[in-house]
PDB file of all heavy atoms in Angstrom:
ATOM      1  N   ASN A   1      11.366  12.689 -17.211  1.00  0.00           N
ATOM      2  CA  ASN A   1      12.284  13.126 -16.167  1.00  0.00           C
ATOM      3  C   ASN A   1      12.513  11.982 -15.198  1.00  0.00           C
ATOM      4  O   ASN A   1      11.587  11.540 -14.512  1.00  0.00           O
ATOM      5  CB  ASN A   1      11.697  14.344 -15.435  1.00  0.00           C
ATOM      6  CG  ASN A   1      12.699  14.991 -14.483  1.00  0.00           C
ATOM      7  OD1 ASN A   1      13.618  14.338 -14.009  1.00  0.00           O
ATOM      8  ND2 ASN A   1      12.509  16.270 -14.202  1.00  0.00           N
ATOM      9  N   VAL A   2      13.755  11.498 -15.131  1.00  0.00           N
ATOM     10  CA  VAL A   2      14.075  10.384 -14.242  1.00  0.00           C
ATOM     11  C   VAL A   2      14.954  10.818 -13.075  1.00  0.00           C
ATOM     12  O   VAL A   2      15.516   9.973 -12.383  1.00  0.00           O
ATOM     13  CB  VAL A   2      14.753   9.239 -15.024  1.00  0.00           C
ATOM     14  CG1 VAL A   2      13.815   8.673 -16.070  1.00  0.00           C
ATOM     15  CG2 VAL A   2      16.068   9.701 -15.649  1.00  0.00           C
ATOM     16  N   ASP A   3      15.092  12.132 -12.846  1.00  0.00           N
ATOM     17  CA  ASP A   3      15.869  12.606 -11.712  1.00  0.00           C
ATOM     18  C   ASP A   3      15.255  12.130 -10.405  1.00  0.00           C
ATOM     19  O   ASP A   3      14.037  11.896 -10.314  1.00  0.00           O
ATOM     20  CB  ASP A   3      15.941  14.138 -11.713  1.00  0.00           C
ATOM     21  CG  ASP A   3      16.953  14.663 -12.724  1.00  0.00           C
ATOM     22  OD1 ASP A   3      17.548  13.834 -13.435  1.00  0.00           O
ATOM     23  OD2 ASP A   3      17.141  15.888 -12.793  1.00  0.00           O
ATOM     24  N   ALA A   4      16.087  12.009  -9.392  1.00  0.00           N
ATOM     25  CA  ALA A   4      15.615  11.496  -8.104  1.00  0.00           C
ATOM     26  C   ALA A   4      14.505  12.357  -7.515  1.00  0.00           C
ATOM     27  O   ALA A   4      13.553  11.850  -6.916  1.00  0.00           O
ATOM     28  CB  ALA A   4      16.793  11.399  -7.125  1.00  0.00           C
ATOM     29  N   ASP A   5      14.625  13.679  -7.683  1.00  0.00           N
ATOM     30  CA  ASP A   5      13.594  14.598  -7.195  1.00  0.00           C
ATOM     31  C   ASP A   5      12.975  15.295  -8.395  1.00  0.00           C
ATOM     32  O   ASP A   5      13.296  16.437  -8.697  1.00  0.00           O
ATOM     33  CB  ASP A   5      14.214  15.603  -6.227  1.00  0.00           C
ATOM     34  CG  ASP A   5      13.158  16.493  -5.559  1.00  0.00           C
ATOM     35  OD1 ASP A   5      11.946  16.226  -5.756  1.00  0.00           O
ATOM     36  OD2 ASP A   5      13.540  17.445  -4.849  1.00  0.00           O
ATOM     37  N   ALA A   6      12.091  14.606  -9.071  1.00  0.00           N
ATOM     38  CA  ALA A   6      11.498  15.134 -10.305  1.00  0.00           C
ATOM     39  C   ALA A   6      10.681  16.392 -10.066  1.00  0.00           C
ATOM     40  O   ALA A   6      10.546  17.238 -10.962  1.00  0.00           O
ATOM     41  CB  ALA A   6      10.635  14.067 -10.957  1.00  0.00           C
ATOM     42  N   ALA A   7      10.137  16.545  -8.860  1.00  0.00           N
ATOM     43  CA  ALA A   7       9.288  17.699  -8.563  1.00  0.00           C
ATOM     44  C   ALA A   7      10.059  19.005  -8.619  1.00  0.00           C
ATOM     45  O   ALA A   7       9.496  20.059  -8.939  1.00  0.00           O
ATOM     46  CB  ALA A   7       8.625  17.540  -7.203  1.00  0.00           C
ATOM     47  N   SER A   8      11.351  18.985  -8.322  1.00  0.00           N
ATOM     48  CA  SER A   8      12.155  20.203  -8.317  1.00  0.00           C
ATOM     49  C   SER A   8      13.122  20.269  -9.498  1.00  0.00           C
ATOM     50  O   SER A   8      13.924  21.191  -9.588  1.00  0.00           O
ATOM     51  CB  SER A   8      12.957  20.298  -7.019  1.00  0.00           C
ATOM     52  OG  SER A   8      13.862  19.207  -6.908  1.00  0.00           O
ATOM     53  N   SER A   9      13.029  19.325 -10.411  1.00  0.00           N
ATOM     54  CA  SER A   9      13.956  19.258 -11.536  1.00  0.00           C
ATOM     55  C   SER A   9      13.222  19.583 -12.832  1.00  0.00           C
ATOM     56  O   SER A   9      12.052  19.244 -13.013  1.00  0.00           O
ATOM     57  CB  SER A   9      14.564  17.858 -11.625  1.00  0.00           C
ATOM     58  OG  SER A   9      15.258  17.689 -12.851  1.00  0.00           O
ATOM     59  N   THR A  10      13.911  20.230 -13.756  1.00  0.00           N
ATOM     60  CA  THR A  10      13.370  20.480 -15.091  1.00  0.00           C
ATOM     61  C   THR A  10      14.055  19.609 -16.143  1.00  0.00           C
ATOM     62  O   THR A  10      13.833  19.792 -17.333  1.00  0.00           O
ATOM     63  CB  THR A  10      13.545  21.965 -15.488  1.00  0.00           C
ATOM     64  OG1 THR A  10      14.955  22.270 -15.531  1.00  0.00           O
ATOM     65  CG2 THR A  10      12.847  22.880 -14.500  1.00  0.00           C
ATOM     66  N   ASN A  11      14.877  18.663 -15.700  1.00  0.00           N
ATOM     67  CA  ASN A  11      15.706  17.885 -16.615  1.00  0.00           C
ATOM     68  C   ASN A  11      14.930  16.733 -17.251  1.00  0.00           C
ATOM     69  O   ASN A  11      15.109  15.564 -16.924  1.00  0.00           O
ATOM     70  CB  ASN A  11      16.938  17.343 -15.884  1.00  0.00           C
ATOM     71  CG  ASN A  11      17.871  16.600 -16.819  1.00  0.00           C
ATOM     72  OD1 ASN A  11      17.873  16.850 -18.021  1.00  0.00           O
ATOM     73  ND2 ASN A  11      18.663  15.701 -16.263  1.00  0.00           N
ATOM     74  N   SER A  12      14.055  17.070 -18.195  1.00  0.00           N
ATOM     75  CA  SER A  12      13.354  16.038 -18.957  1.00  0.00           C
ATOM     76  C   SER A  12      14.118  15.769 -20.251  1.00  0.00           C
ATOM     77  O   SER A  12      14.634  16.685 -20.875  1.00  0.00           O
ATOM     78  CB  SER A  12      11.926  16.466 -19.271  1.00  0.00           C
ATOM     79  OG  SER A  12      11.917  17.662 -20.028  1.00  0.00           O
ATOM     80  N   ASP A  13      14.196  14.509 -20.645  1.00  0.00           N
ATOM     81  CA  ASP A  13      14.900  14.115 -21.855  1.00  0.00           C
ATOM     82  C   ASP A  13      13.954  13.375 -22.794  1.00  0.00           C
ATOM     83  O   ASP A  13      12.847  12.990 -22.423  1.00  0.00           O
ATOM     84  CB  ASP A  13      16.104  13.227 -21.508  1.00  0.00           C
ATOM     85  CG  ASP A  13      17.219  14.003 -20.840  1.00  0.00           C
ATOM     86  OD1 ASP A  13      17.707  14.979 -21.440  1.00  0.00           O
ATOM     87  OD2 ASP A  13      17.589  13.649 -19.706  1.00  0.00           O
ATOM     88  N   ILE A  14      14.405  13.175 -24.011  1.00  0.00           N
ATOM     89  CA  ILE A  14      13.608  12.496 -25.033  1.00  0.00           C
ATOM     90  C   ILE A  14      14.163  11.090 -25.227  1.00  0.00           C
ATOM     91  O   ILE A  14      15.377  10.887 -25.338  1.00  0.00           O
ATOM     92  CB  ILE A  14      13.633  13.276 -26.358  1.00  0.00           C
ATOM     93  CG1 ILE A  14      12.984  14.647 -26.154  1.00  0.00           C
ATOM     94  CG2 ILE A  14      12.909  12.508 -27.454  1.00  0.00           C
ATOM     95  CD1 ILE A  14      13.127  15.572 -27.339  1.00  0.00           C
ATOM     96  N   TYR A  15      13.254  10.124 -25.270  1.00  0.00           N
ATOM     97  CA  TYR A  15      13.616   8.725 -25.428  1.00  0.00           C
ATOM     98  C   TYR A  15      12.932   8.160 -26.669  1.00  0.00           C
ATOM     99  O   TYR A  15      11.890   8.658 -27.101  1.00  0.00           O
ATOM    100  CB  TYR A  15      13.168   7.905 -24.208  1.00  0.00           C
ATOM    101  CG  TYR A  15      13.881   8.243 -22.923  1.00  0.00           C
ATOM    102  CD1 TYR A  15      13.616   9.429 -22.240  1.00  0.00           C
ATOM    103  CD2 TYR A  15      14.829   7.376 -22.372  1.00  0.00           C
ATOM    104  CE1 TYR A  15      14.264   9.742 -21.050  1.00  0.00           C
ATOM    105  CE2 TYR A  15      15.481   7.681 -21.177  1.00  0.00           C
ATOM    106  CZ  TYR A  15      15.196   8.862 -20.528  1.00  0.00           C
ATOM    107  OH  TYR A  15      15.831   9.169 -19.353  1.00  0.00           O
ATOM    108  N   VAL A  16      13.521   7.111 -27.230  1.00  0.00           N
ATOM    109  CA  VAL A  16      12.891   6.393 -28.336  1.00  0.00           C
ATOM    110  C   VAL A  16      12.743   4.926 -27.947  1.00  0.00           C
ATOM    111  O   VAL A  16      13.546   4.380 -27.177  1.00  0.00           O
ATOM    112  CB  VAL A  16      13.708   6.514 -29.634  1.00  0.00           C
ATOM    113  CG1 VAL A  16      13.716   7.945 -30.126  1.00  0.00           C
ATOM    114  CG2 VAL A  16      15.130   6.006 -29.459  1.00  0.00           C
ATOM    115  N   VAL A  17      11.695   4.305 -28.500  1.00  0.00           N
ATOM    116  CA  VAL A  17      11.452   2.888 -28.263  1.00  0.00           C
ATOM    117  C   VAL A  17      10.834   2.306 -29.534  1.00  0.00           C
ATOM    118  O   VAL A  17      10.018   2.953 -30.182  1.00  0.00           O
ATOM    119  CB  VAL A  17      10.527   2.676 -27.042  1.00  0.00           C
ATOM    120  CG1 VAL A  17       9.167   3.315 -27.258  1.00  0.00           C
ATOM    121  CG2 VAL A  17      10.377   1.185 -26.724  1.00  0.00           C
ATOM    122  N   PRO A  18      11.222   1.122 -29.945  1.00  0.00           N
ATOM    123  CA  PRO A  18      10.607   0.511 -31.122  1.00  0.00           C
ATOM    124  C   PRO A  18       9.100   0.344 -30.937  1.00  0.00           C
ATOM    125  O   PRO A  18       8.633   0.038 -29.832  1.00  0.00           O
ATOM    126  CB  PRO A  18      11.317  -0.847 -31.221  1.00  0.00           C
ATOM    127  CG  PRO A  18      12.609  -0.664 -30.488  1.00  0.00           C
ATOM    128  CD  PRO A  18      12.309   0.289 -29.388  1.00  0.00           C
ATOM    129  N   ILE A  19       8.341   0.550 -32.024  1.00  0.00           N
ATOM    130  CA  ILE A  19       6.896   0.420 -31.938  1.00  0.00           C
ATOM    131  C   ILE A  19       6.495  -0.982 -31.499  1.00  0.00           C
ATOM    132  O   ILE A  19       5.525  -1.172 -30.751  1.00  0.00           O
ATOM    133  CB  ILE A  19       6.260   0.767 -33.302  1.00  0.00           C
ATOM    134  CG1 ILE A  19       6.467   2.248 -33.614  1.00  0.00           C
ATOM    135  CG2 ILE A  19       4.770   0.428 -33.320  1.00  0.00           C
ATOM    136  CD1 ILE A  19       5.951   2.673 -34.964  1.00  0.00           C
ATOM    137  N   ALA A  20       7.251  -1.982 -31.942  1.00  0.00           N
ATOM    138  CA  ALA A  20       6.937  -3.364 -31.587  1.00  0.00           C
ATOM    139  C   ALA A  20       7.417  -3.725 -30.178  1.00  0.00           C
ATOM    140  O   ALA A  20       7.224  -4.854 -29.720  1.00  0.00           O
ATOM    141  CB  ALA A  20       7.568  -4.308 -32.603  1.00  0.00           C
ATOM    142  N   GLY A  21       8.033  -2.761 -29.487  1.00  0.00           N
ATOM    143  CA  GLY A  21       8.588  -3.024 -28.164  1.00  0.00           C
ATOM    144  C   GLY A  21      10.078  -3.286 -28.245  1.00  0.00           C
ATOM    145  O   GLY A  21      10.615  -3.583 -29.311  1.00  0.00           O
ATOM    146  N   GLY A  22      10.751  -3.148 -27.129  1.00  0.00           N
ATOM    147  CA  GLY A  22      12.186  -3.379 -27.107  1.00  0.00           C
ATOM    148  C   GLY A  22      12.896  -2.383 -26.222  1.00  0.00           C
ATOM    149  O   GLY A  22      12.287  -1.787 -25.323  1.00  0.00           O
ATOM    150  N   GLU A  23      14.158  -2.191 -26.489  1.00  0.00           N
ATOM    151  CA  GLU A  23      14.991  -1.345 -25.647  1.00  0.00           C
ATOM    152  C   GLU A  23      14.591   0.123 -25.747  1.00  0.00           C
ATOM    153  O   GLU A  23      14.378   0.663 -26.829  1.00  0.00           O
ATOM    154  CB  GLU A  23      16.454  -1.484 -26.059  1.00  0.00           C
ATOM    155  CG  GLU A  23      17.413  -0.634 -25.248  1.00  0.00           C
ATOM    156  CD  GLU A  23      18.831  -0.691 -25.772  1.00  0.00           C
ATOM    157  OE1 GLU A  23      19.065  -1.383 -26.783  1.00  0.00           O
ATOM    158  OE2 GLU A  23      19.702  -0.026 -25.173  1.00  0.00           O
ATOM    159  N   ILE A  24      14.487   0.781 -24.597  1.00  0.00           N
ATOM    160  CA  ILE A  24      14.237   2.217 -24.522  1.00  0.00           C
ATOM    161  C   ILE A  24      15.594   2.929 -24.499  1.00  0.00           C
ATOM    162  O   ILE A  24      16.474   2.580 -23.708  1.00  0.00           O
ATOM    163  CB  ILE A  24      13.428   2.577 -23.267  1.00  0.00           C
ATOM    164  CG1 ILE A  24      12.069   1.873 -23.300  1.00  0.00           C
ATOM    165  CG2 ILE A  24      13.242   4.081 -23.155  1.00  0.00           C
ATOM    166  CD1 ILE A  24      11.260   2.053 -22.036  1.00  0.00           C
ATOM    167  N   ARG A  25      15.741   3.922 -25.380  1.00  0.00           N
ATOM    168  CA  ARG A  25      17.036   4.584 -25.508  1.00  0.00           C
ATOM    169  C   ARG A  25      16.880   6.091 -25.402  1.00  0.00           C
ATOM    170  O   ARG A  25      16.029   6.687 -26.058  1.00  0.00           O
ATOM    171  CB  ARG A  25      17.671   4.218 -26.851  1.00  0.00           C
ATOM    172  CG  ARG A  25      19.047   4.792 -27.090  1.00  0.00           C
ATOM    173  CD  ARG A  25      19.705   4.110 -28.279  1.00  0.00           C
ATOM    174  NE  ARG A  25      18.889   4.219 -29.478  1.00  0.00           N
ATOM    175  CZ  ARG A  25      19.010   5.204 -30.371  1.00  0.00           C
ATOM    176  NH1 ARG A  25      19.912   6.175 -30.180  1.00  0.00           N
ATOM    177  NH2 ARG A  25      18.248   5.227 -31.440  1.00  0.00           N
ATOM    178  N   LYS A  26      17.689   6.724 -24.549  1.00  0.00           N
ATOM    179  CA  LYS A  26      17.680   8.176 -24.386  1.00  0.00           C
ATOM    180  C   LYS A  26      18.491   8.807 -25.511  1.00  0.00           C
ATOM    181  O   LYS A  26      19.620   8.393 -25.777  1.00  0.00           O
ATOM    182  CB  LYS A  26      18.246   8.582 -23.031  1.00  0.00           C
ATOM    183  CG  LYS A  26      18.132  10.081 -22.748  1.00  0.00           C
ATOM    184  CD  LYS A  26      18.512  10.422 -21.324  1.00  0.00           C
ATOM    185  CE  LYS A  26      20.001  10.343 -21.113  1.00  0.00           C
ATOM    186  NZ  LYS A  26      20.412  10.944 -19.806  1.00  0.00           N
TER     187      LYS A  26
END
């Protein structure tokens, strides 16, 4: 959850990232 007020937000999303490291993508 990257919302500005995470404590009151339920908007969590799923991200992927290469195992070797690299760009994080929603």
